[in-house]
Every structure is written in C-alpha cells, then in structure tokens.
N, C-alpha and C. Protein backbone atom coordinates (compact mmCIF):
# COMPACT_ATOMS: atom_id res chain seq x y z
N UNK A 1 87.10 88.02 93.49
CA UNK A 1 87.30 89.43 93.17
C UNK A 1 87.45 89.68 91.71
N UNK A 2 88.04 88.74 91.04
CA UNK A 2 88.31 88.89 89.62
C UNK A 2 87.01 88.97 88.85
N UNK A 3 86.88 90.00 88.02
CA UNK A 3 85.72 90.15 87.20
C UNK A 3 86.06 89.83 85.77
N UNK A 4 85.24 88.98 85.16
CA UNK A 4 85.45 88.69 83.75
C UNK A 4 84.21 89.11 82.98
N UNK A 5 84.41 89.69 81.83
CA UNK A 5 83.32 90.13 81.00
C UNK A 5 83.60 89.64 79.59
N UNK A 6 82.59 89.05 78.96
CA UNK A 6 82.80 88.60 77.60
C UNK A 6 82.34 89.73 76.68
N UNK A 7 83.27 90.19 75.85
CA UNK A 7 82.99 91.28 74.93
C UNK A 7 83.30 90.83 73.52
N UNK A 8 82.30 90.70 72.70
CA UNK A 8 82.44 90.34 71.27
C UNK A 8 83.44 89.22 71.09
N UNK A 9 83.16 88.08 71.73
CA UNK A 9 83.96 86.88 71.63
C UNK A 9 85.39 87.00 72.17
N UNK A 10 85.61 87.93 73.04
CA UNK A 10 86.92 88.00 73.71
C UNK A 10 86.67 88.21 75.20
N UNK A 11 87.51 87.62 75.97
CA UNK A 11 87.38 87.67 77.42
C UNK A 11 88.19 88.85 77.97
N UNK A 12 87.54 89.71 78.76
CA UNK A 12 88.19 90.85 79.38
C UNK A 12 88.28 90.59 80.86
N UNK A 13 89.46 90.67 81.42
CA UNK A 13 89.64 90.45 82.85
C UNK A 13 89.83 91.81 83.51
N UNK A 14 89.09 92.06 84.57
CA UNK A 14 89.14 93.34 85.25
C UNK A 14 89.84 93.22 86.57
N UNK A 15 90.62 94.23 86.94
CA UNK A 15 91.26 94.27 88.25
C UNK A 15 90.21 94.55 89.32
N UNK A 16 90.57 94.27 90.55
CA UNK A 16 89.68 94.56 91.67
C UNK A 16 89.45 96.11 91.71
N UNK A 17 88.27 96.50 92.09
CA UNK A 17 87.96 97.91 92.19
C UNK A 17 88.55 98.46 93.47
N UNK A 18 88.75 99.77 93.54
CA UNK A 18 89.24 100.38 94.76
C UNK A 18 88.36 100.00 95.99
N UNK A 19 87.08 99.94 95.77
CA UNK A 19 86.15 99.55 96.86
C UNK A 19 86.44 98.11 97.34
N UNK A 20 86.64 97.21 96.39
CA UNK A 20 86.92 95.81 96.75
C UNK A 20 88.22 95.70 97.50
N UNK A 21 89.24 96.45 97.08
CA UNK A 21 90.55 96.44 97.77
C UNK A 21 90.39 96.96 99.20
N UNK A 22 89.65 98.08 99.33
CA UNK A 22 89.45 98.65 100.68
C UNK A 22 88.69 97.69 101.60
N UNK A 23 87.67 97.03 101.03
CA UNK A 23 86.90 96.07 101.83
C UNK A 23 87.79 94.91 102.29
N UNK A 24 88.67 94.45 101.43
CA UNK A 24 89.61 93.38 101.79
C UNK A 24 90.55 93.86 102.88
N UNK A 25 90.96 95.11 102.77
CA UNK A 25 91.86 95.68 103.78
C UNK A 25 91.13 95.79 105.13
N UNK A 26 89.88 96.21 105.09
CA UNK A 26 89.09 96.30 106.34
C UNK A 26 88.92 94.95 106.98
N UNK A 27 88.61 93.93 106.18
CA UNK A 27 88.42 92.58 106.72
C UNK A 27 89.71 92.08 107.35
N UNK A 28 90.87 92.47 106.79
CA UNK A 28 92.17 92.06 107.31
C UNK A 28 92.68 92.98 108.40
N UNK A 29 91.91 94.01 108.69
CA UNK A 29 92.30 95.03 109.68
C UNK A 29 93.64 95.72 109.32
N UNK A 30 93.80 95.96 108.04
CA UNK A 30 94.98 96.63 107.54
C UNK A 30 94.61 98.04 107.15
N UNK A 31 95.43 99.00 107.48
CA UNK A 31 95.16 100.38 107.13
C UNK A 31 96.26 100.90 106.19
N UNK A 32 95.92 101.91 105.41
CA UNK A 32 96.83 102.47 104.42
C UNK A 32 98.13 102.93 105.08
N UNK A 33 98.06 103.54 106.27
CA UNK A 33 99.22 104.09 106.91
C UNK A 33 100.23 102.97 107.28
N UNK A 34 99.73 101.82 107.75
CA UNK A 34 100.61 100.70 108.07
C UNK A 34 101.35 100.22 106.81
N UNK A 35 100.60 100.12 105.70
CA UNK A 35 101.22 99.68 104.44
C UNK A 35 102.24 100.70 103.97
N UNK A 36 101.88 101.99 104.13
CA UNK A 36 102.83 103.05 103.76
C UNK A 36 104.14 102.96 104.54
N UNK A 37 104.01 102.77 105.87
CA UNK A 37 105.19 102.66 106.73
C UNK A 37 106.03 101.48 106.31
N UNK A 38 105.40 100.35 106.07
CA UNK A 38 106.11 99.12 105.67
C UNK A 38 106.88 99.30 104.38
N UNK A 39 106.35 100.12 103.47
CA UNK A 39 106.96 100.34 102.15
C UNK A 39 107.88 101.57 102.15
N UNK A 40 107.84 102.37 103.23
CA UNK A 40 108.64 103.57 103.23
C UNK A 40 108.13 104.66 102.29
N UNK A 41 106.82 104.71 102.15
CA UNK A 41 106.19 105.70 101.28
C UNK A 41 105.12 106.45 102.06
N UNK A 42 104.49 107.44 101.45
CA UNK A 42 103.43 108.18 102.10
C UNK A 42 102.11 107.40 101.95
N UNK A 43 101.14 107.74 102.82
CA UNK A 43 99.84 107.12 102.68
C UNK A 43 99.17 107.54 101.37
N UNK A 44 99.54 108.73 100.85
CA UNK A 44 98.99 109.20 99.57
C UNK A 44 99.45 108.26 98.43
N UNK A 45 100.67 107.74 98.51
CA UNK A 45 101.16 106.83 97.48
C UNK A 45 100.34 105.52 97.49
N UNK A 46 100.04 105.04 98.69
CA UNK A 46 99.21 103.86 98.81
C UNK A 46 97.81 104.12 98.25
N UNK A 47 97.29 105.30 98.58
CA UNK A 47 95.97 105.68 98.05
C UNK A 47 95.94 105.67 96.52
N UNK A 48 97.00 106.23 95.94
CA UNK A 48 97.03 106.31 94.44
C UNK A 48 97.12 104.91 93.83
N UNK A 49 97.80 103.97 94.46
CA UNK A 49 97.84 102.60 93.94
C UNK A 49 96.49 101.94 94.08
N UNK A 50 95.84 102.13 95.20
CA UNK A 50 94.51 101.51 95.42
C UNK A 50 93.51 102.09 94.41
N UNK A 51 93.59 103.37 94.13
CA UNK A 51 92.68 104.01 93.19
C UNK A 51 93.02 103.71 91.74
N UNK A 52 94.19 103.13 91.49
CA UNK A 52 94.60 102.83 90.10
C UNK A 52 95.18 104.03 89.41
N UNK A 53 95.58 105.05 90.16
CA UNK A 53 96.15 106.28 89.58
C UNK A 53 97.64 106.11 89.32
N UNK A 54 98.28 105.19 90.05
CA UNK A 54 99.68 104.89 89.81
C UNK A 54 99.92 103.43 90.09
N UNK A 55 101.08 102.95 89.69
CA UNK A 55 101.43 101.54 89.86
C UNK A 55 102.70 101.41 90.61
N UNK A 56 102.71 100.59 91.64
CA UNK A 56 103.92 100.32 92.42
C UNK A 56 103.87 98.84 92.81
N UNK A 57 104.79 98.05 92.27
CA UNK A 57 104.83 96.65 92.58
C UNK A 57 105.03 96.41 94.06
N UNK A 58 105.90 97.23 94.68
CA UNK A 58 106.19 97.12 96.12
C UNK A 58 104.96 97.35 96.95
N UNK A 59 104.20 98.40 96.62
CA UNK A 59 102.97 98.70 97.38
C UNK A 59 101.92 97.64 97.11
N UNK A 60 101.80 97.16 95.89
CA UNK A 60 100.85 96.10 95.58
C UNK A 60 101.19 94.80 96.34
N UNK A 61 102.47 94.49 96.44
CA UNK A 61 102.91 93.33 97.22
C UNK A 61 102.51 93.46 98.69
N UNK A 62 102.70 94.66 99.22
CA UNK A 62 102.36 94.91 100.64
C UNK A 62 100.86 94.77 100.86
N UNK A 63 100.05 95.28 99.96
CA UNK A 63 98.59 95.18 100.05
C UNK A 63 98.19 93.71 99.97
N UNK A 64 98.82 92.99 99.04
CA UNK A 64 98.53 91.58 98.91
C UNK A 64 98.87 90.80 100.19
N UNK A 65 100.02 91.07 100.76
CA UNK A 65 100.45 90.42 101.99
C UNK A 65 99.51 90.77 103.14
N UNK A 66 99.13 92.01 103.24
CA UNK A 66 98.28 92.45 104.36
C UNK A 66 96.88 91.85 104.28
N UNK A 67 96.38 91.70 103.06
CA UNK A 67 95.01 91.18 102.89
C UNK A 67 94.93 89.68 102.76
N UNK A 68 96.08 89.06 102.44
CA UNK A 68 96.10 87.62 102.25
C UNK A 68 95.52 87.23 100.88
N UNK A 69 95.40 88.17 99.99
CA UNK A 69 94.86 87.91 98.63
C UNK A 69 96.02 88.05 97.64
N UNK A 70 96.16 87.13 96.77
CA UNK A 70 97.28 87.14 95.85
C UNK A 70 97.24 88.33 94.88
N UNK A 71 98.43 88.69 94.37
CA UNK A 71 98.51 89.79 93.40
C UNK A 71 97.69 89.45 92.16
N UNK A 72 97.69 88.17 91.80
CA UNK A 72 96.93 87.71 90.60
C UNK A 72 95.42 87.91 90.78
N UNK A 73 94.94 87.81 92.01
CA UNK A 73 93.50 88.00 92.25
C UNK A 73 93.15 89.47 92.31
N UNK A 74 94.03 90.28 92.88
CA UNK A 74 93.75 91.72 93.00
C UNK A 74 93.95 92.46 91.69
N UNK A 75 95.02 92.15 90.99
CA UNK A 75 95.35 92.84 89.74
C UNK A 75 95.62 91.82 88.63
N UNK A 76 94.60 91.06 88.22
CA UNK A 76 94.83 90.02 87.21
C UNK A 76 95.31 90.56 85.86
N UNK A 77 94.90 91.73 85.50
CA UNK A 77 95.29 92.28 84.21
C UNK A 77 96.83 92.43 84.12
N UNK A 78 97.42 92.85 85.22
CA UNK A 78 98.86 93.00 85.25
C UNK A 78 99.61 91.69 85.46
N UNK A 79 99.15 90.91 86.44
CA UNK A 79 99.94 89.77 86.86
C UNK A 79 99.58 88.43 86.20
N UNK A 80 98.39 88.38 85.59
CA UNK A 80 97.99 87.17 84.85
C UNK A 80 98.13 87.39 83.35
N UNK A 81 97.46 88.42 82.85
CA UNK A 81 97.45 88.68 81.42
C UNK A 81 98.83 89.08 80.89
N UNK A 82 99.50 90.02 81.61
CA UNK A 82 100.73 90.59 81.14
C UNK A 82 101.98 89.93 81.77
N UNK A 83 101.78 89.02 82.71
CA UNK A 83 102.91 88.30 83.31
C UNK A 83 103.69 89.09 84.33
N UNK A 84 103.17 90.17 84.79
CA UNK A 84 103.87 90.97 85.83
C UNK A 84 104.05 92.39 85.41
N UNK A 85 104.54 93.23 86.33
CA UNK A 85 104.68 94.64 86.01
C UNK A 85 105.79 94.89 85.00
N UNK A 86 105.57 95.72 84.08
CA UNK A 86 106.59 96.08 83.07
C UNK A 86 106.56 97.58 82.84
N UNK A 87 107.71 98.17 82.66
CA UNK A 87 107.77 99.57 82.30
C UNK A 87 107.76 99.63 80.78
N UNK A 88 107.09 100.67 80.23
CA UNK A 88 107.07 100.82 78.77
C UNK A 88 108.47 100.84 78.20
N UNK A 89 108.70 100.10 77.13
CA UNK A 89 109.98 100.12 76.46
C UNK A 89 110.98 99.12 77.03
N UNK A 90 110.66 98.49 78.15
CA UNK A 90 111.57 97.52 78.74
C UNK A 90 111.17 96.12 78.30
N UNK A 91 112.11 95.28 77.98
CA UNK A 91 111.78 93.92 77.59
C UNK A 91 111.32 93.11 78.79
N UNK A 92 110.53 92.07 78.60
CA UNK A 92 110.14 91.22 79.71
C UNK A 92 111.39 90.63 80.38
N UNK A 93 111.29 90.30 81.65
CA UNK A 93 112.42 89.83 82.43
C UNK A 93 113.11 88.64 81.79
N UNK A 94 112.36 87.74 81.12
CA UNK A 94 112.96 86.55 80.53
C UNK A 94 113.95 86.92 79.40
N UNK A 95 113.77 88.10 78.79
CA UNK A 95 114.58 88.49 77.67
C UNK A 95 115.84 89.29 78.08
N UNK A 96 115.90 89.69 79.33
CA UNK A 96 117.04 90.46 79.79
C UNK A 96 118.28 89.58 79.81
N UNK A 97 119.34 90.13 79.30
CA UNK A 97 120.60 89.39 79.28
C UNK A 97 121.60 90.20 80.09
N UNK A 98 122.08 89.62 81.15
CA UNK A 98 123.07 90.30 81.99
C UNK A 98 124.42 89.64 81.74
N UNK A 99 125.40 90.45 81.36
CA UNK A 99 126.73 89.95 81.08
C UNK A 99 127.48 89.79 82.40
N UNK A 100 128.08 88.61 82.64
CA UNK A 100 128.82 88.44 83.86
C UNK A 100 130.10 89.28 83.84
N UNK A 101 130.49 89.76 84.98
CA UNK A 101 131.76 90.52 85.10
C UNK A 101 132.92 89.59 84.89
N UNK A 102 133.82 89.97 84.02
CA UNK A 102 135.02 89.13 83.73
C UNK A 102 136.23 89.64 84.44
C-alpha cells in the first residue's frame, strides 16, 4: 500500500489513499459503522479519517485492527516518518517529563 515517489533526490512516502483503505476494509468485511461503534464515534468521524480530513489515532487503530494492516503501512507519513501522531506545539512523547507525586 505504501507509495514512494522520488522527487529531486528525496524520497516522499505517501499514505494509503481513501480508496485503498476502503478496499482493505471490504476485503476484511469491516464497515465504517462497526468501527464507529467500537470507537464510540459517529460513522461520519470514521469517514473523515479515511478521507484524510481529520486525524484520530483511536479511529486509525480501529481501522488497522479491522483490516489487519499495520498503522505504519496505512499511514506511513505519520507513523514511520514522524514517529507517531503529534499535536502541534506538543513535544514528542520521549521528551515529556512527568513529575512523580510526592
């Protein structure tokens, strides 16, 4: 599923297209409504994640589990290149320091 394109001596990794995600879901006999119920969201929220209009790690995990395709294969730009989902302005998980309660 992962698409790679060489652009001016740099490698560009592309996420799976909405069509590829839907085909994987069809092969796995998974429907958007089942994923929505499992995540406690609307089917519209699942649709937006599939279309790339919004990002939800929980919904992406559910799609990955339902299709049997890893997050890294479906969304390599997020999970391979960037090391996982991150909110703008938040440090990567490795840099978070949690003070223990004394």
